[in-house]
Structure formats: C-alpha cells, structure tokens
Amino acid sequence: MRMSNSKTKLAVDNQSKNEFGKFTNLLDRLLAVPHSELKAALDAEKQEKKAAKSGLASVHVSAEKG
C-alpha cells in the first residue's frame, strides 16, 4: 500500500517537529543548570578520580615490594 506524497511529507514534517521539540527540550533543560553546579560536579569527579588513581598506585607499589 503506497502513501501519497502529501501524506508522506506530512509524516516526515511531524517527525521532524517531534525530534526538534525533543532537542529543544533537552537544550532548555541543559541550559537551565547553573554553571556553578556543573563545575562543582566536575570538580568532585576529578577529585574522586585523583584519589582512586593515587590509591591504586600505592596498592600496586606495595604489591611489587611484597
């Protein structure tokens, strides 16, 4: 069963609007987060990685000595 061009075009237009709406919603939610909150989360993650890396290094060195 074939759809006419107008129905196909309408379906594509609705899909594009729906995808654009989702994208716009995502950007709105992303931009609503304050910079300070994002920076604090990134700094906390950086500290966790640094602590994990230094902890792994000390375990690795002590294992080699044993």
C-alpha atoms as a PDB file:
ATOM      1  CA  MET A   1       0.000   0.000   0.000  1.00  0.00           C
ATOM      2  CA  ARG A   2       1.516   3.312  -1.053  1.00  0.00           C
ATOM      3  CA  MET A   3       1.052   6.609   0.696  1.00  0.00           C
ATOM      4  CA  SER A   4       0.553   9.696  -1.357  1.00  0.00           C
ATOM      5  CA  ASN A   5       3.377  12.223  -1.379  1.00  0.00           C
ATOM      6  CA  SER A   6       1.401  14.684   0.723  1.00  0.00           C
ATOM      7  CA  LYS A   7       0.838  12.073   3.459  1.00  0.00           C
ATOM      8  CA  THR A   8       4.488  11.049   3.380  1.00  0.00           C
ATOM      9  CA  LYS A   9       5.613  14.652   3.549  1.00  0.00           C
ATOM     10  CA  LEU A  10       3.230  15.303   6.438  1.00  0.00           C
ATOM     11  CA  ALA A  11       4.564  12.288   8.332  1.00  0.00           C
ATOM     12  CA  VAL A  12       8.163  13.455   7.816  1.00  0.00           C
ATOM     13  CA  ASP A  13       7.275  17.001   8.884  1.00  0.00           C
ATOM     14  CA  ASN A  14       5.612  15.738  12.073  1.00  0.00           C
ATOM     15  CA  GLN A  15       8.606  13.544  12.852  1.00  0.00           C
ATOM     16  CA  SER A  16      10.991  16.451  12.273  1.00  0.00           C
ATOM     17  CA  LYS A  17       8.944  18.689  14.547  1.00  0.00           C
ATOM     18  CA  ASN A  18       8.845  15.992  17.201  1.00  0.00           C
ATOM     19  CA  GLU A  19      12.628  15.472  17.025  1.00  0.00           C
ATOM     20  CA  PHE A  20      13.224  19.224  17.033  1.00  0.00           C
ATOM     21  CA  GLY A  21      10.946  19.550  20.048  1.00  0.00           C
ATOM     22  CA  LYS A  22      12.879  16.860  21.901  1.00  0.00           C
ATOM     23  CA  PHE A  23      16.167  18.558  21.015  1.00  0.00           C
ATOM     24  CA  THR A  24      14.883  21.956  22.096  1.00  0.00           C
ATOM     25  CA  ASN A  25      13.607  20.484  25.363  1.00  0.00           C
ATOM     26  CA  LEU A  26      16.997  18.871  26.024  1.00  0.00           C
ATOM     27  CA  LEU A  27      18.830  22.133  25.411  1.00  0.00           C
ATOM     28  CA  ASP A  28      16.414  24.062  27.614  1.00  0.00           C
ATOM     29  CA  ARG A  29      16.973  21.616  30.475  1.00  0.00           C
ATOM     30  CA  LEU A  30      20.747  21.640  29.947  1.00  0.00           C
ATOM     31  CA  LEU A  31      20.998  25.419  29.883  1.00  0.00           C
ATOM     32  CA  ALA A  32      18.815  25.723  32.982  1.00  0.00           C
ATOM     33  CA  VAL A  33      21.550  24.153  35.143  1.00  0.00           C
ATOM     34  CA  PRO A  34      23.750  26.832  36.736  1.00  0.00           C
ATOM     35  CA  HIS A  35      27.435  26.864  35.806  1.00  0.00           C
ATOM     36  CA  SER A  36      28.464  26.623  39.456  1.00  0.00           C
ATOM     37  CA  GLU A  37      26.530  23.371  39.847  1.00  0.00           C
ATOM     38  CA  LEU A  38      28.184  21.854  36.782  1.00  0.00           C
ATOM     39  CA  LYS A  39      31.632  22.996  37.931  1.00  0.00           C
ATOM     40  CA  ALA A  40      31.115  21.547  41.401  1.00  0.00           C
ATOM     41  CA  ALA A  41      30.100  18.182  39.925  1.00  0.00           C
ATOM     42  CA  LEU A  42      33.110  18.135  37.607  1.00  0.00           C
ATOM     43  CA  ASP A  43      35.495  19.107  40.410  1.00  0.00           C
ATOM     44  CA  ALA A  44      34.092  16.356  42.650  1.00  0.00           C
ATOM     45  CA  GLU A  45      34.515  13.798  39.870  1.00  0.00           C
ATOM     46  CA  LYS A  46      38.077  14.978  39.276  1.00  0.00           C
ATOM     47  CA  GLN A  47      38.893  14.578  42.986  1.00  0.00           C
ATOM     48  CA  GLU A  48      37.403  11.065  43.031  1.00  0.00           C
ATOM     49  CA  LYS A  49      39.494  10.036  40.038  1.00  0.00           C
ATOM     50  CA  LYS A  50      42.620  11.553  41.560  1.00  0.00           C
ATOM     51  CA  ALA A  51      42.025   9.746  44.858  1.00  0.00           C
ATOM     52  CA  ALA A  52      41.316   6.457  43.090  1.00  0.00           C
ATOM     53  CA  LYS A  53      44.422   6.812  40.949  1.00  0.00           C
ATOM     54  CA  SER A  54      46.681   7.569  43.925  1.00  0.00           C
ATOM     55  CA  GLY A  55      45.101   4.696  45.878  1.00  0.00           C
ATOM     56  CA  LEU A  56      45.694   2.267  43.011  1.00  0.00           C
ATOM     57  CA  ALA A  57      49.290   3.415  42.646  1.00  0.00           C
ATOM     58  CA  SER A  58      50.071   2.759  46.318  1.00  0.00           C
ATOM     59  CA  VAL A  59      48.468  -0.709  46.162  1.00  0.00           C
ATOM     60  CA  HIS A  60      50.418  -1.514  43.017  1.00  0.00           C
ATOM     61  CA  VAL A  61      53.757  -0.386  44.528  1.00  0.00           C
ATOM     62  CA  SER A  62      53.198  -2.314  47.766  1.00  0.00           C
ATOM     63  CA  ALA A  63      52.323  -5.448  45.773  1.00  0.00           C
ATOM     64  CA  GLU A  64      55.619  -5.205  43.881  1.00  0.00           C
ATOM     65  CA  LYS A  65      57.615  -4.862  47.111  1.00  0.00           C
ATOM     66  CA  GLY A  66      55.973  -7.962  48.681  1.00  0.00           C
END
